[in-house]
Amino acid sequence: MGSRIAQRLLDHGYQLVGYDRDIAKAQTVAAERGFAAKNILELARTCDVILSCLTNDEAVQGVYAGPAGVLAEARPGTVVLEMSTISPESSRELQRLGAERGIEVLDVAISGSTTAAEQGTLTLLAGGNQDVFDAAEPIFQSIAKQYFLLGGAGSGTAMKLVVNTLLGIGMQAIAEAVVLGQTVGLNRERLLEVLAKTAVIAPAHMGKLARVAINDYTPQFPLRLMNKDFQLILKAAAEAHISMPATEAAFQVNSEELAHHDRDDFSGVVRRMEEVAGIADVHSASMAS
């Protein structure tokens, strides 16, 4: 996702300083107009606006905090657009640490696929200061179709957890529906083809059905990331003392599939439900015949 966003910024004339633990990746992205930083501190000293898209709370903490982190060397007035899916608490803590150093931080969570990132049609969910959000609008226009300020720090990542609740439960619902269709006699391939044309399938799930039809579970949105998001969602629910039984059930199936196929896409829950129903072996045999 990060490399695709970087390319959109380059396409819109921005100069880019790239950093990745794999220096070759950063060099590839920044070669067109800019350079690859040797480390986080070099990047922090050089940039006026810093965008990051990282795996989890721990990764964000590691990149920004401490003597070797971004906030240690970034100049006062620097703007940070932190785009990772993390807990709202982590987003608020990052904003607080930034404010102590005169650095403005927005949490700008991403909703959309890698294809949407390439096309500049992402939806951005932001939390933080209105004036900073307004000032960042030219950047948002380069990478997104729409962007929203939800409130103060942590509001963007909170909204992302709301969105991904529906993403994860929706995929589990599809998995159960596909199994039901097969067990009552429907052809699997035809079922998936027609289901994709109905009004009940969300755009985020639409492209999954054609891949599921040919048992293609190569990762676009990996199971491990959906699993991480389920954990964030259920942690937030526990802290708010609310019950989320459908989310808990979807998380359980996701976790079971992750234990067997940790490198696959989160749509792999379809395969898991077929295995539980005892129809996966039959399908595999028919595909091989």
Protein backbone atom coordinates (compact mmCIF):
# COMPACT_ATOMS: atom_id res chain seq x y z
CA MET A 1 0.00 0.00 0.00
CA GLY A 2 2.77 2.43 0.92
CA SER A 3 4.63 2.07 -2.37
CA ARG A 4 1.45 2.72 -4.34
CA ILE A 5 0.68 5.84 -2.35
CA ALA A 6 4.26 6.98 -2.90
CA GLN A 7 3.87 6.54 -6.64
CA ARG A 8 0.70 8.64 -6.64
CA LEU A 9 2.59 11.44 -4.86
CA LEU A 10 5.38 11.24 -7.42
CA ASP A 11 2.86 11.35 -10.25
CA HIS A 12 1.50 14.58 -8.77
CA GLY A 13 4.88 16.28 -8.68
CA TYR A 14 5.93 15.79 -5.07
CA GLN A 15 9.57 15.20 -4.22
CA LEU A 16 9.93 12.07 -2.17
CA VAL A 17 12.27 10.76 0.49
CA GLY A 18 11.62 7.06 0.98
CA TYR A 19 12.53 4.77 3.82
CA ASP A 20 12.00 1.04 4.22
CA ARG A 21 13.88 -1.57 6.21
CA ASP A 22 14.54 -3.09 2.78
CA ILE A 23 16.59 -0.26 1.29
CA ALA A 24 16.08 -1.61 -2.24
CA LYS A 25 12.34 -1.00 -1.98
CA ALA A 26 12.88 2.59 -0.90
CA GLN A 27 15.38 3.16 -3.68
CA THR A 28 12.96 1.83 -6.27
CA VAL A 29 10.18 4.16 -5.12
CA ALA A 30 12.34 7.25 -4.68
CA ALA A 31 14.49 6.86 -7.79
CA GLU A 32 12.14 8.87 -9.98
CA ARG A 33 12.32 12.10 -7.99
CA GLY A 34 13.98 12.05 -4.60
CA PHE A 35 16.19 9.67 -2.66
CA ALA A 36 16.11 6.79 -0.20
CA ALA A 37 16.97 7.70 3.39
CA LYS A 38 19.57 5.52 5.08
CA ASN A 39 17.60 5.49 8.32
CA ILE A 40 14.57 6.98 10.04
CA LEU A 41 16.50 9.91 11.49
CA GLU A 42 17.70 11.03 8.06
CA LEU A 43 14.14 10.93 6.78
CA ALA A 44 12.85 12.87 9.80
CA ARG A 45 15.46 15.62 9.38
CA THR A 46 14.70 16.04 5.69
CA CYS A 47 10.91 16.06 5.28
CA ASP A 48 8.22 18.66 5.89
CA VAL A 49 5.42 16.08 5.72
CA ILE A 50 5.86 12.46 6.77
CA LEU A 51 3.48 9.69 5.73
CA SER A 52 3.73 6.21 7.19
CA CYS A 53 1.85 2.99 6.55
CA LEU A 54 2.95 0.32 9.02
CA THR A 55 1.83 -3.10 10.20
CA ASN A 56 0.66 -2.60 13.78
CA ASP A 57 0.87 -0.54 16.99
CA GLU A 58 4.30 -1.87 17.87
CA ALA A 59 5.72 -0.93 14.47
CA VAL A 60 4.34 2.61 14.76
CA GLN A 61 5.78 2.96 18.25
CA GLY A 62 9.15 1.71 17.02
CA VAL A 63 9.28 4.14 14.10
CA TYR A 64 8.17 7.29 15.93
CA ALA A 65 9.17 7.06 19.61
CA GLY A 66 12.54 6.91 21.31
CA PRO A 67 15.94 8.41 20.45
CA ALA A 68 16.05 6.73 17.04
CA GLY A 69 12.46 7.58 16.13
CA VAL A 70 10.95 10.19 13.83
CA LEU A 71 9.88 12.49 16.65
CA ALA A 72 13.43 12.71 17.98
CA GLU A 73 14.69 14.55 14.89
CA ALA A 74 11.69 15.99 13.04
CA ARG A 75 11.63 19.79 13.03
CA PRO A 76 8.88 21.74 14.82
CA GLY A 77 6.14 22.41 12.29
CA THR A 78 6.55 19.04 10.60
CA VAL A 79 3.25 17.34 9.77
CA VAL A 80 2.83 13.59 10.25
CA LEU A 81 0.08 11.72 8.39
CA GLU A 82 0.08 8.32 10.11
CA MET A 83 -1.92 5.91 7.93
CA SER A 84 -1.62 2.59 9.76
CA THR A 85 -4.53 0.60 11.18
CA ILE A 86 -3.76 0.78 14.89
CA SER A 87 -5.67 1.33 18.11
CA PRO A 88 -7.19 4.77 18.71
CA GLU A 89 -5.21 4.89 21.96
CA SER A 90 -1.94 4.57 20.03
CA SER A 91 -3.03 7.32 17.65
CA ARG A 92 -3.82 9.64 20.55
CA GLU A 93 -0.49 8.87 22.23
CA LEU A 94 1.38 9.64 19.00
CA GLN A 95 -0.48 12.92 18.69
CA ARG A 96 0.41 13.80 22.29
CA LEU A 97 4.11 13.00 21.77
CA GLY A 98 4.13 15.07 18.59
CA ALA A 99 2.50 18.04 20.27
CA GLU A 100 5.23 18.08 22.90
CA ARG A 101 7.75 18.69 20.10
CA GLY A 102 5.67 21.09 18.01
CA ILE A 103 4.86 18.39 15.46
CA GLU A 104 1.32 18.05 14.11
CA VAL A 105 0.03 14.47 13.84
CA LEU A 106 -3.10 13.29 12.07
CA ASP A 107 -4.23 9.68 12.11
CA VAL A 108 -5.32 9.07 8.52
CA ALA A 109 -6.55 5.50 8.23
CA ILE A 110 -6.96 4.00 4.78
CA SER A 111 -10.07 2.28 3.46
CA GLY A 112 -9.56 0.66 0.08
CA SER A 113 -7.64 -1.96 -1.84
CA THR A 114 -4.19 -1.88 -3.40
CA THR A 115 -5.93 -1.29 -6.74
CA ALA A 116 -7.69 1.75 -5.27
CA ALA A 117 -4.31 3.01 -4.04
CA GLU A 118 -2.86 2.68 -7.54
CA GLN A 119 -5.84 4.53 -9.03
CA GLY A 120 -5.96 7.23 -6.36
CA THR A 121 -9.48 6.27 -5.29
CA LEU A 122 -8.90 5.47 -1.61
CA THR A 123 -11.13 6.69 1.18
CA LEU A 124 -9.24 8.37 4.02
CA LEU A 125 -10.52 8.50 7.61
CA ALA A 126 -8.79 11.18 9.64
CA GLY A 127 -8.59 12.31 13.22
CA GLY A 128 -6.92 15.46 14.49
CA ASN A 129 -6.77 19.20 13.99
CA GLN A 130 -9.11 20.76 11.40
CA ASP A 131 -6.54 23.31 10.18
CA VAL A 132 -3.92 20.61 9.63
CA PHE A 133 -6.48 18.46 7.83
CA ASP A 134 -7.35 21.39 5.54
CA ALA A 135 -3.68 22.12 4.85
CA ALA A 136 -3.09 18.47 3.90
CA GLU A 137 -5.93 18.45 1.37
CA PRO A 138 -3.68 18.68 -1.74
CA ILE A 139 -1.93 15.50 -0.59
CA PHE A 140 -5.23 13.78 0.06
CA GLN A 141 -6.45 14.76 -3.41
CA SER A 142 -3.41 13.07 -4.93
CA ILE A 143 -4.10 9.69 -3.33
CA ALA A 144 -7.81 9.51 -2.53
CA LYS A 145 -11.25 9.91 -4.00
CA GLN A 146 -12.73 11.07 -0.70
CA TYR A 147 -11.47 11.97 2.74
CA PHE A 148 -13.20 12.75 6.00
CA LEU A 149 -12.26 14.30 9.33
CA LEU A 150 -14.09 12.33 12.03
CA GLY A 151 -13.02 14.32 15.08
CA GLY A 152 -10.01 14.63 17.35
CA ALA A 153 -6.94 12.41 17.52
CA GLY A 154 -7.80 8.72 17.30
CA SER A 155 -11.08 9.31 15.48
CA GLY A 156 -9.70 8.17 12.13
CA THR A 157 -8.39 4.89 13.46
CA ALA A 158 -11.59 4.40 15.47
CA MET A 159 -13.59 4.74 12.26
CA LYS A 160 -11.28 2.27 10.54
CA LEU A 161 -12.12 -0.32 13.21
CA VAL A 162 -15.81 0.30 12.52
CA VAL A 163 -15.23 -0.18 8.79
CA ASN A 164 -13.16 -3.33 9.23
CA THR A 165 -15.75 -4.83 11.54
CA LEU A 166 -18.06 -4.92 8.52
CA LEU A 167 -15.25 -6.09 6.25
CA GLY A 168 -14.44 -9.09 8.43
CA ILE A 169 -18.00 -10.07 9.36
CA GLY A 170 -19.06 -9.60 5.75
CA MET A 171 -16.46 -12.08 4.53
CA GLN A 172 -17.56 -14.61 7.13
CA ALA A 173 -21.20 -14.15 6.08
CA ILE A 174 -20.24 -14.77 2.47
CA ALA A 175 -18.36 -17.93 3.49
CA GLU A 176 -21.40 -19.30 5.30
CA ALA A 177 -23.76 -18.37 2.47
CA VAL A 178 -21.53 -20.07 -0.12
CA VAL A 179 -21.47 -23.25 1.95
CA LEU A 180 -25.25 -23.15 2.36
CA GLY A 181 -25.70 -22.77 -1.40
CA GLN A 182 -23.53 -25.77 -2.15
CA THR A 183 -25.17 -27.98 0.44
CA VAL A 184 -28.64 -27.29 -1.00
CA GLY A 185 -27.45 -28.24 -4.49
CA LEU A 186 -26.18 -25.09 -6.20
CA ASN A 187 -23.16 -25.20 -8.49
CA ARG A 188 -20.30 -23.45 -6.68
CA GLU A 189 -18.94 -21.52 -9.65
CA ARG A 190 -22.37 -20.36 -10.78
CA LEU A 191 -23.35 -19.46 -7.23
CA LEU A 192 -20.31 -17.21 -6.82
CA GLU A 193 -20.81 -15.64 -10.25
CA VAL A 194 -24.43 -14.69 -9.55
CA LEU A 195 -23.79 -13.67 -5.94
CA ALA A 196 -21.29 -11.07 -7.17
CA LYS A 197 -24.06 -9.43 -9.19
CA THR A 198 -26.46 -8.98 -6.29
CA ALA A 199 -26.98 -5.82 -4.26
CA VAL A 200 -25.93 -7.44 -0.99
CA ILE A 201 -22.23 -7.81 -1.88
CA ALA A 202 -20.15 -4.81 -0.82
CA PRO A 203 -17.57 -3.42 -3.26
CA ALA A 204 -14.77 -4.50 -0.92
CA HIS A 205 -15.90 -8.11 -1.25
CA MET A 206 -16.83 -8.06 -4.93
CA GLY A 207 -13.46 -8.96 -6.38
CA LYS A 208 -12.98 -11.75 -3.87
CA LEU A 209 -15.72 -13.94 -5.35
CA ALA A 210 -14.06 -14.52 -8.72
CA ARG A 211 -10.83 -15.47 -6.94
CA VAL A 212 -12.64 -17.78 -4.53
CA ALA A 213 -14.29 -19.46 -7.52
CA ILE A 214 -10.86 -20.71 -8.67
CA ASN A 215 -9.54 -21.24 -5.13
CA ASP A 216 -7.14 -18.31 -5.46
CA TYR A 217 -6.32 -17.12 -1.95
CA THR A 218 -3.13 -15.22 -2.72
CA PRO A 219 -3.01 -12.28 -0.31
CA GLN A 220 -4.43 -8.92 -1.23
CA PHE A 221 -5.52 -8.27 2.34
CA PRO A 222 -3.77 -10.99 4.35
CA LEU A 223 -5.51 -13.11 6.97
CA ARG A 224 -2.91 -12.01 9.53
CA LEU A 225 -3.85 -8.34 9.10
CA MET A 226 -7.57 -9.05 9.33
CA ASN A 227 -6.82 -11.10 12.43
CA LYS A 228 -4.88 -8.19 13.93
CA ASP A 229 -7.79 -5.86 13.18
CA PHE A 230 -10.28 -8.27 14.78
CA GLN A 231 -8.13 -8.17 17.91
CA LEU A 232 -8.13 -4.37 17.94
CA ILE A 233 -11.90 -4.30 17.41
CA LEU A 234 -12.64 -6.77 20.20
CA LYS A 235 -10.20 -5.03 22.56
CA ALA A 236 -12.02 -1.74 21.96
CA ALA A 237 -15.36 -3.49 22.52
CA ALA A 238 -14.15 -5.03 25.79
CA GLU A 239 -12.95 -1.65 27.04
CA ALA A 240 -16.34 -0.16 26.15
CA HIS A 241 -18.17 -3.11 27.81
CA ILE A 242 -20.16 -3.97 24.69
CA SER A 243 -20.96 -7.38 23.23
CA MET A 244 -19.99 -8.22 19.62
CA PRO A 245 -21.00 -11.88 19.16
CA ALA A 246 -20.89 -11.86 15.35
CA THR A 247 -17.42 -10.32 15.39
CA GLU A 248 -16.22 -12.86 17.95
CA ALA A 249 -17.49 -15.73 15.78
CA ALA A 250 -15.85 -14.30 12.65
CA PHE A 251 -12.59 -13.83 14.55
CA GLN A 252 -12.65 -17.46 15.65
CA VAL A 253 -12.98 -18.76 12.10
CA ASN A 254 -10.38 -16.30 10.86
CA SER A 255 -7.98 -17.51 13.57
CA GLU A 256 -8.56 -21.15 12.67
CA GLU A 257 -7.80 -20.47 9.02
CA LEU A 258 -4.76 -18.38 9.96
CA ALA A 259 -3.35 -21.34 11.90
CA HIS A 260 -3.30 -23.41 8.69
CA HIS A 261 -2.68 -20.78 5.98
CA ASP A 262 -0.89 -17.81 7.52
CA ARG A 263 0.24 -16.36 4.18
CA ASP A 264 -3.17 -16.32 2.48
CA ASP A 265 -5.91 -13.74 1.91
CA PHE A 266 -8.63 -13.18 4.48
CA SER A 267 -11.15 -14.63 2.01
CA GLY A 268 -9.65 -17.98 3.01
CA VAL A 269 -12.47 -18.26 5.56
CA VAL A 270 -14.57 -19.56 2.66
CA ARG A 271 -12.21 -22.50 2.36
CA ARG A 272 -12.33 -22.99 6.11
CA MET A 273 -16.13 -23.14 6.19
CA GLU A 274 -16.14 -25.58 3.27
CA GLU A 275 -13.73 -27.81 5.15
CA VAL A 276 -15.91 -27.68 8.28
CA ALA A 277 -18.93 -28.61 6.17
CA GLY A 278 -17.04 -31.51 4.58
CA ILE A 279 -17.44 -30.29 1.03
CA ALA A 280 -13.93 -28.98 0.28
CA ASP A 281 -12.56 -32.42 -0.67
CA VAL A 282 -15.42 -32.99 -3.11
CA HIS A 283 -14.79 -29.62 -4.71
CA SER A 284 -11.06 -30.27 -5.03
CA ALA A 285 -11.76 -33.62 -6.69
CA SER A 286 -14.11 -32.03 -9.20
CA MET A 287 -11.55 -29.32 -10.02
CA ALA A 288 -8.90 -31.97 -10.70
CA SER A 289 -11.10 -34.14 -12.91
